[in-house]
Amino acid sequence: MRKLGPAEWSGLAMLVVSVVVAGPVLAGLIDPVIARGWWTVLFALFIAMLLVAVADQPPAGVRYAAFAVSVAASWAALLTASNLGVLPVLLVLTAAASVYTVRLRIGFLVVALNTAVVASAAVQHSGAVADVLLSTGFYLLIQTATLLGSVALVREQRTRRELAGAHVELQAATVLLAESARTAERLRISRDLHDLIGHQLTVLTLELEAARHSEGTRARGHADKAHAVARGLLADVRETVGELRAEPSDLAEALRNVVRDLPGLQVSIDVDPRVRVNEEQLAALVRAVQEIATNTIRHAHSRELRIEVSSEASGAVLTAVDSGRGARRPIPGNGLRGLTERFEALGGGVTFDAGEGFRVTARVPVP
């Protein structure tokens, strides 16, 4: 079961506040101007359309239409109530939700229209000018404060996502630079080892080869033994150099470093110890984890991401799935298309599946 994030909790809080505000009318304590059944339908329409408007899944046009219907339904519910009470709070909720659906200037327009509706309802229920001005001014200030507070919250969330994405990119670059430095150092040591020791042992072997053809039985016996030792040393040096050049990197540690200390997203990484990759394939897997984590932060609204790297007969397989909402028709952006091209260049491929969460499967052949 997916954990509830800030958006889900906000929606639940909005639902609770709306029901509490409309409670007296729904419970029959206050009679509306129209039949209570129709007023209940208006209220249910307001709730349903407002939830659709702030959701991420529907297309933009559907969300705009839903928001417009929710605003109109809130006006109708307010104007058909026989007692104003705290029902204008419904209009405050539409002002707050506007930030997630329409542009800021449209949000201010909604606040202005809501204020006009509150003034009209106040005039309808109270003839006192002071009461009308007090109610209108109070809800105008509340709506403005709520709207601006929602704007600040949305911008802060966007900034956090951008910072988290930059953090992932920096971690990935650090991992790749460290791996490149280790590879360069291994190559330098292997060359030095081969040049210094390998050359000397080769000379020793040649000298001993010459000694073998010298006179003297004992000298020849010692020369044969020294010759065997020298050849053994030379073989050991070459084997050591070969292992040093081909020393596999710690793939699990490299991938964990990419997502280490990532704010707002819990990432679990499981790497099969049988997986062996070369430097180019390691770079591709690191970039894959970077892109997947960044997209999860920016688009999935998920708090958990599971990444597994398994070993198959054809090569290594990276599977990543988040706990987000998924998408009905996923459209890969530049990052995912670049990731696909990178793996295809290595002889592998990438597939996407948007069901319960977004799943990415990347394959690279055995090096």
Protein backbone atom coordinates (compact mmCIF):
# COMPACT_ATOMS: atom_id res chain seq x y z
CA MET A 1 0.00 0.00 0.00
CA ARG A 2 1.39 3.36 -1.04
CA LYS A 3 2.01 5.88 1.71
CA LEU A 4 0.03 9.10 1.68
CA GLY A 5 2.07 12.12 0.69
CA PRO A 6 1.48 15.83 1.34
CA ALA A 7 -0.91 16.14 -1.61
CA GLU A 8 -3.10 13.27 -0.38
CA TRP A 9 -3.16 14.63 3.17
CA SER A 10 -4.06 18.09 1.84
CA GLY A 11 -6.94 16.58 -0.11
CA LEU A 12 -8.20 14.75 2.97
CA ALA A 13 -7.94 17.90 5.07
CA MET A 14 -9.86 19.84 2.42
CA LEU A 15 -12.57 17.17 2.41
CA VAL A 16 -12.87 17.22 6.20
CA VAL A 17 -13.04 21.02 6.36
CA SER A 18 -15.71 21.10 3.64
CA VAL A 19 -17.89 18.53 5.39
CA VAL A 20 -17.54 20.32 8.73
CA VAL A 21 -18.48 23.66 7.14
CA ALA A 22 -21.49 22.21 5.35
CA GLY A 23 -22.40 19.96 8.27
CA PRO A 24 -25.28 22.04 9.68
CA VAL A 25 -27.06 22.10 6.32
CA LEU A 26 -26.34 18.44 5.56
CA ALA A 27 -27.54 17.40 9.03
CA GLY A 28 -30.78 19.37 8.71
CA LEU A 29 -29.93 21.92 11.39
CA ILE A 30 -30.21 24.70 8.80
CA ASP A 31 -32.69 24.60 5.92
CA PRO A 32 -31.39 25.79 2.54
CA VAL A 33 -33.47 27.90 0.18
CA ILE A 34 -33.76 24.99 -2.24
CA ALA A 35 -34.56 21.36 -1.41
CA ARG A 36 -31.92 19.82 0.82
CA GLY A 37 -31.42 17.00 -1.65
CA TRP A 38 -30.49 19.44 -4.42
CA TRP A 39 -28.24 21.40 -2.08
CA THR A 40 -26.49 18.15 -1.13
CA VAL A 41 -25.98 17.44 -4.85
CA LEU A 42 -24.41 20.90 -5.25
CA PHE A 43 -22.09 20.28 -2.34
CA ALA A 44 -21.08 16.81 -3.60
CA LEU A 45 -20.43 18.28 -7.05
CA PHE A 46 -18.24 20.97 -5.48
CA ILE A 47 -16.18 18.38 -3.57
CA ALA A 48 -15.83 15.99 -6.51
CA MET A 49 -14.82 18.67 -9.02
CA LEU A 50 -12.38 20.32 -6.62
CA LEU A 51 -10.61 16.99 -6.03
CA VAL A 52 -10.39 16.40 -9.78
CA ALA A 53 -9.02 19.91 -10.28
CA VAL A 54 -6.11 19.45 -7.86
CA ALA A 55 -5.26 15.90 -9.04
CA ASP A 56 -2.22 15.31 -11.27
CA GLN A 57 -3.57 12.57 -13.52
CA PRO A 58 -6.36 14.27 -15.54
CA PRO A 59 -5.42 16.33 -18.62
CA ALA A 60 -5.11 20.08 -18.16
CA GLY A 61 -8.39 20.79 -19.96
CA VAL A 62 -10.30 18.43 -17.67
CA ARG A 63 -8.76 20.01 -14.59
CA TYR A 64 -9.64 23.53 -15.78
CA ALA A 65 -13.23 22.50 -16.44
CA ALA A 66 -13.48 20.74 -13.08
CA PHE A 67 -12.14 23.81 -11.28
CA ALA A 68 -14.66 26.08 -13.03
CA VAL A 69 -17.51 23.74 -12.06
CA SER A 70 -16.32 23.58 -8.45
CA VAL A 71 -16.20 27.38 -8.22
CA ALA A 72 -19.69 27.70 -9.68
CA ALA A 73 -21.01 24.98 -7.36
CA SER A 74 -19.52 26.73 -4.32
CA TRP A 75 -21.23 29.98 -5.35
CA ALA A 76 -24.57 28.21 -5.81
CA ALA A 77 -24.25 26.43 -2.45
CA LEU A 78 -23.49 29.70 -0.69
CA LEU A 79 -26.25 31.72 -2.35
CA THR A 80 -28.90 29.05 -1.73
CA ALA A 81 -28.14 28.69 1.99
CA SER A 82 -30.61 30.30 4.38
CA ASN A 83 -27.84 31.14 6.84
CA LEU A 84 -24.37 32.35 5.84
CA GLY A 85 -22.52 30.91 8.86
CA VAL A 86 -19.04 29.73 7.89
CA LEU A 87 -20.05 28.52 4.43
CA PRO A 88 -17.78 31.14 2.74
CA VAL A 89 -14.91 28.88 3.81
CA LEU A 90 -15.84 26.82 0.75
CA LEU A 91 -14.82 29.78 -1.37
CA VAL A 92 -11.54 30.01 0.54
CA LEU A 93 -10.85 26.40 -0.44
CA THR A 94 -11.39 27.20 -4.12
CA ALA A 95 -8.96 30.11 -3.81
CA ALA A 96 -6.35 27.83 -2.27
CA ALA A 97 -6.90 25.12 -4.90
CA SER A 98 -6.57 27.60 -7.76
CA VAL A 99 -2.77 27.60 -7.31
CA TYR A 100 -2.61 23.93 -8.33
CA THR A 101 -4.82 24.39 -11.40
CA VAL A 102 -4.68 27.86 -12.98
CA ARG A 103 -2.26 30.76 -13.26
CA LEU A 104 -1.83 33.15 -10.35
CA ARG A 105 -3.69 36.02 -12.04
CA ILE A 106 -6.66 33.71 -12.57
CA GLY A 107 -6.44 32.83 -8.89
CA PHE A 108 -6.70 36.51 -7.93
CA LEU A 109 -9.66 36.84 -10.31
CA VAL A 110 -11.35 33.94 -8.51
CA VAL A 111 -10.70 35.68 -5.18
CA ALA A 112 -12.33 38.87 -6.50
CA LEU A 113 -15.38 37.01 -7.80
CA ASN A 114 -15.64 35.00 -4.58
CA THR A 115 -15.56 38.22 -2.61
CA ALA A 116 -18.40 39.61 -4.72
CA VAL A 117 -20.43 36.45 -4.04
CA VAL A 118 -19.75 36.74 -0.29
CA ALA A 119 -20.87 40.39 -0.36
CA SER A 120 -24.04 39.43 -2.23
CA ALA A 121 -24.82 36.65 0.25
CA ALA A 122 -24.09 38.94 3.20
CA VAL A 123 -26.46 41.57 1.83
CA GLN A 124 -29.07 38.87 1.35
CA HIS A 125 -28.83 37.63 4.96
CA SER A 126 -28.04 40.89 6.77
CA GLY A 127 -29.12 44.39 5.97
CA ALA A 128 -26.54 45.98 8.25
CA VAL A 129 -23.81 47.69 6.25
CA ALA A 130 -21.25 47.05 9.01
CA ASP A 131 -21.95 43.31 8.98
CA VAL A 132 -21.68 43.17 5.19
CA LEU A 133 -18.38 45.06 5.18
CA LEU A 134 -17.00 42.99 8.03
CA SER A 135 -17.87 39.64 6.40
CA THR A 136 -16.70 40.73 2.97
CA GLY A 137 -13.42 42.21 4.21
CA PHE A 138 -12.70 39.25 6.48
CA TYR A 139 -13.13 36.62 3.78
CA LEU A 140 -11.26 38.77 1.27
CA LEU A 141 -8.25 38.81 3.59
CA ILE A 142 -8.56 35.10 4.35
CA GLN A 143 -8.72 34.21 0.66
CA THR A 144 -5.76 36.43 -0.20
CA ALA A 145 -3.67 35.03 2.62
CA THR A 146 -4.59 31.45 1.69
CA LEU A 147 -3.82 32.06 -1.97
CA LEU A 148 -0.42 33.60 -1.26
CA GLY A 149 0.37 30.89 1.28
CA SER A 150 -0.43 28.21 -1.29
CA VAL A 151 1.76 29.97 -3.85
CA ALA A 152 4.66 30.00 -1.38
CA LEU A 153 4.10 26.31 -0.59
CA VAL A 154 4.02 25.30 -4.27
CA ARG A 155 7.17 27.28 -5.02
CA GLU A 156 8.93 25.77 -2.01
CA GLN A 157 7.96 22.26 -3.16
CA ARG A 158 9.20 23.02 -6.67
CA THR A 159 12.48 24.35 -5.31
CA ARG A 160 12.94 21.26 -3.14
CA ARG A 161 12.39 19.00 -6.16
CA GLU A 162 14.88 20.99 -8.22
CA LEU A 163 17.46 20.87 -5.43
CA ALA A 164 16.93 17.14 -5.01
CA GLY A 165 17.40 16.65 -8.75
CA ALA A 166 20.58 18.70 -8.69
CA HIS A 167 21.76 16.64 -5.71
CA VAL A 168 21.29 13.41 -7.67
CA GLU A 169 23.14 14.82 -10.68
CA LEU A 170 26.02 15.97 -8.49
CA GLN A 171 26.24 12.60 -6.76
CA ALA A 172 26.24 10.78 -10.10
CA ALA A 173 28.98 13.05 -11.46
CA THR A 174 31.03 12.46 -8.30
CA VAL A 175 30.68 8.69 -8.63
CA LEU A 176 31.70 8.73 -12.30
CA LEU A 177 34.66 11.03 -11.65
CA ALA A 178 35.84 8.82 -8.80
CA GLU A 179 35.50 5.73 -10.96
CA SER A 180 37.39 7.40 -13.79
CA ALA A 181 40.17 8.40 -11.39
CA ARG A 182 40.41 4.86 -10.00
CA THR A 183 40.56 3.43 -13.49
CA ALA A 184 43.30 5.85 -14.51
CA GLU A 185 45.28 5.04 -11.37
CA ARG A 186 44.97 1.28 -11.96
CA LEU A 187 46.19 1.70 -15.52
CA ARG A 188 49.13 3.85 -14.39
CA ILE A 189 50.17 1.31 -11.75
CA SER A 190 49.82 -1.58 -14.17
CA ARG A 191 51.99 0.19 -16.75
CA ASP A 192 54.64 1.07 -14.18
CA LEU A 193 54.61 -2.46 -12.79
CA HIS A 194 54.96 -3.94 -16.24
CA ASP A 195 57.69 -1.52 -17.32
CA LEU A 196 59.81 -1.79 -14.18
CA ILE A 197 59.47 -5.38 -13.01
CA GLY A 198 58.44 -7.06 -16.20
CA HIS A 199 61.39 -5.64 -18.09
CA GLN A 200 63.86 -6.71 -15.42
CA LEU A 201 62.47 -10.21 -15.25
CA THR A 202 62.66 -10.50 -19.02
CA VAL A 203 66.33 -9.53 -18.91
CA LEU A 204 66.92 -12.03 -16.10
CA THR A 205 65.27 -14.74 -18.12
CA LEU A 206 67.50 -14.00 -21.09
CA GLU A 207 70.64 -14.02 -18.95
CA LEU A 208 69.71 -17.30 -17.36
CA GLU A 209 68.93 -18.73 -20.74
CA ALA A 210 72.45 -17.92 -21.74
CA ALA A 211 73.78 -19.48 -18.50
CA ARG A 212 72.05 -22.71 -19.34
CA HIS A 213 74.33 -23.17 -22.26
CA SER A 214 77.44 -22.57 -20.18
CA GLU A 215 79.78 -25.39 -19.07
CA GLY A 216 79.48 -27.04 -15.68
CA THR A 217 76.81 -29.43 -14.47
CA ARG A 218 76.12 -27.69 -11.16
CA ALA A 219 75.96 -24.27 -12.76
CA ARG A 220 73.52 -25.58 -15.27
CA GLY A 221 71.30 -27.04 -12.52
CA HIS A 222 71.17 -23.76 -10.63
CA ALA A 223 70.57 -21.92 -13.85
CA ASP A 224 67.65 -24.21 -14.65
CA LYS A 225 66.09 -23.52 -11.25
CA ALA A 226 66.62 -19.77 -11.56
CA HIS A 227 65.19 -19.89 -15.03
CA ALA A 228 62.05 -21.59 -13.77
CA VAL A 229 61.68 -19.08 -10.93
CA ALA A 230 62.13 -16.15 -13.27
CA ARG A 231 59.55 -17.46 -15.68
CA GLY A 232 57.16 -18.01 -12.79
CA LEU A 233 57.68 -14.47 -11.56
CA LEU A 234 57.14 -13.08 -15.02
CA ALA A 235 53.89 -15.04 -15.35
CA ASP A 236 52.74 -13.80 -11.92
CA VAL A 237 53.49 -10.20 -12.84
CA ARG A 238 51.55 -10.49 -16.07
CA GLU A 239 48.62 -12.08 -14.27
CA THR A 240 48.66 -9.37 -11.60
CA VAL A 241 48.76 -6.65 -14.23
CA GLY A 242 45.85 -8.25 -16.07
CA GLU A 243 43.77 -8.47 -12.90
CA LEU A 244 44.63 -4.90 -11.99
CA ARG A 245 43.48 -3.67 -15.37
CA ALA A 246 40.23 -5.65 -15.23
CA GLU A 247 39.44 -5.18 -11.54
CA PRO A 248 35.65 -4.90 -11.30
CA SER A 249 34.15 -1.83 -9.65
CA ASP A 250 31.83 -2.03 -6.66
CA LEU A 251 28.59 -1.49 -8.56
CA ALA A 252 26.34 -1.58 -5.49
CA GLU A 253 28.39 1.07 -3.68
CA ALA A 254 28.50 3.27 -6.78
CA LEU A 255 24.72 3.16 -7.23
CA ARG A 256 24.06 3.79 -3.54
CA ASN A 257 26.33 6.81 -3.63
CA VAL A 258 24.16 8.34 -6.37
CA VAL A 259 21.04 8.38 -4.17
CA ARG A 260 22.72 8.80 -0.79
CA ASP A 261 21.18 11.43 1.54
CA LEU A 262 18.43 12.16 -0.96
CA PRO A 263 15.76 14.36 0.70
CA GLY A 264 12.15 13.31 0.39
CA LEU A 265 12.77 9.97 -1.32
CA GLN A 266 13.68 6.64 0.27
CA VAL A 267 15.66 4.55 -2.20
CA SER A 268 16.50 0.87 -1.72
CA ILE A 269 19.17 -0.69 -3.96
CA ASP A 270 19.81 -4.41 -4.26
CA VAL A 271 22.62 -5.62 -6.54
CA ASP A 272 23.26 -9.27 -7.34
CA PRO A 273 26.91 -9.97 -6.39
CA ARG A 274 27.30 -12.00 -9.59
CA VAL A 275 26.86 -8.91 -11.76
CA ARG A 276 30.08 -7.81 -13.46
CA VAL A 277 30.24 -4.69 -15.59
CA ASN A 278 33.01 -2.73 -17.26
CA GLU A 279 33.58 0.99 -16.86
CA GLU A 280 31.31 1.99 -19.73
CA GLN A 281 28.46 -0.18 -18.51
CA LEU A 282 28.89 1.07 -14.95
CA ALA A 283 28.59 4.63 -16.25
CA ALA A 284 25.37 3.71 -18.07
CA LEU A 285 23.87 2.14 -14.93
CA VAL A 286 24.87 5.15 -12.82
CA ARG A 287 23.22 7.50 -15.34
CA ALA A 288 20.15 5.28 -15.33
CA VAL A 289 19.79 5.51 -11.55
CA GLN A 290 20.35 9.28 -11.75
CA GLU A 291 17.62 9.76 -14.38
CA ILE A 292 15.17 7.44 -12.64
CA ALA A 293 15.63 9.10 -9.24
CA THR A 294 15.33 12.58 -10.75
CA ASN A 295 12.12 11.71 -12.60
CA THR A 296 10.67 10.11 -9.47
CA ILE A 297 11.29 13.29 -7.49
CA ARG A 298 9.93 15.63 -10.15
CA HIS A 299 6.96 13.71 -11.54
CA ALA A 300 5.95 10.62 -9.56
CA HIS A 301 5.08 12.27 -6.22
CA SER A 302 6.49 9.14 -4.65
CA ARG A 303 8.31 8.67 -1.38
CA GLU A 304 9.79 5.24 -2.17
CA LEU A 305 11.90 3.90 -5.03
CA ARG A 306 13.13 0.31 -5.36
CA ILE A 307 16.06 -0.49 -7.64
CA GLU A 308 17.36 -3.99 -8.35
CA VAL A 309 20.26 -5.10 -10.54
CA SER A 310 20.11 -8.80 -11.35
CA SER A 311 22.29 -11.14 -13.39
CA GLU A 312 20.85 -13.03 -16.33
CA ALA A 313 22.37 -15.17 -19.05
CA SER A 314 22.20 -12.26 -21.46
CA GLY A 315 23.73 -9.73 -19.06
CA ALA A 316 22.81 -7.35 -16.26
CA VAL A 317 19.22 -6.13 -15.79
CA LEU A 318 18.32 -3.00 -13.82
CA THR A 319 14.71 -2.78 -12.65
CA ALA A 320 13.37 0.33 -10.91
CA VAL A 321 9.82 0.94 -9.69
CA ASP A 322 8.47 3.78 -7.57
CA SER A 323 5.40 3.94 -5.34
CA GLY A 324 3.83 6.84 -7.22
CA ARG A 325 0.62 7.08 -9.18
CA GLY A 326 2.05 5.88 -12.47
CA ALA A 327 0.69 7.26 -15.73
CA ARG A 328 -1.94 6.12 -18.19
CA ARG A 329 0.07 7.05 -21.27
CA PRO A 330 3.71 7.66 -20.34
CA ILE A 331 5.55 9.90 -22.79
CA PRO A 332 9.35 9.62 -22.39
CA GLY A 333 11.08 12.99 -22.18
CA ASN A 334 14.57 13.90 -23.30
CA GLY A 335 16.14 12.23 -20.27
CA LEU A 336 14.48 8.84 -20.79
CA ARG A 337 15.06 8.97 -24.54
CA GLY A 338 18.75 9.72 -23.93
CA LEU A 339 18.88 6.85 -21.45
CA THR A 340 17.40 4.50 -24.06
CA GLU A 341 19.95 5.61 -26.66
CA ARG A 342 22.80 5.07 -24.19
CA PHE A 343 21.81 1.46 -23.47
CA GLU A 344 21.07 0.68 -27.11
CA ALA A 345 24.57 1.88 -27.99
CA LEU A 346 25.89 -0.78 -25.58
CA GLY A 347 23.80 -3.48 -27.24
CA GLY A 348 21.02 -3.42 -24.64
CA GLY A 349 17.73 -1.59 -24.28
CA VAL A 350 15.25 0.15 -21.98
CA THR A 351 11.52 -0.45 -21.50
CA PHE A 352 8.89 1.49 -19.51
CA ASP A 353 5.72 0.36 -17.79
CA ALA A 354 3.31 2.76 -16.07
CA GLY A 355 0.93 0.72 -13.96
CA GLU A 356 1.03 0.79 -10.17
CA GLY A 357 3.97 3.17 -10.06
CA PHE A 358 6.39 3.81 -12.91
CA ARG A 359 8.68 0.90 -13.83
CA VAL A 360 11.89 1.14 -15.81
CA THR A 361 13.81 -1.93 -17.02
CA ALA A 362 17.28 -1.47 -18.51
CA ARG A 363 19.47 -4.26 -19.90
CA VAL A 364 23.15 -4.39 -20.78
CA PRO A 365 24.93 -7.42 -22.28
CA VAL A 366 27.65 -9.38 -20.56
CA PRO A 367 31.01 -7.56 -20.98
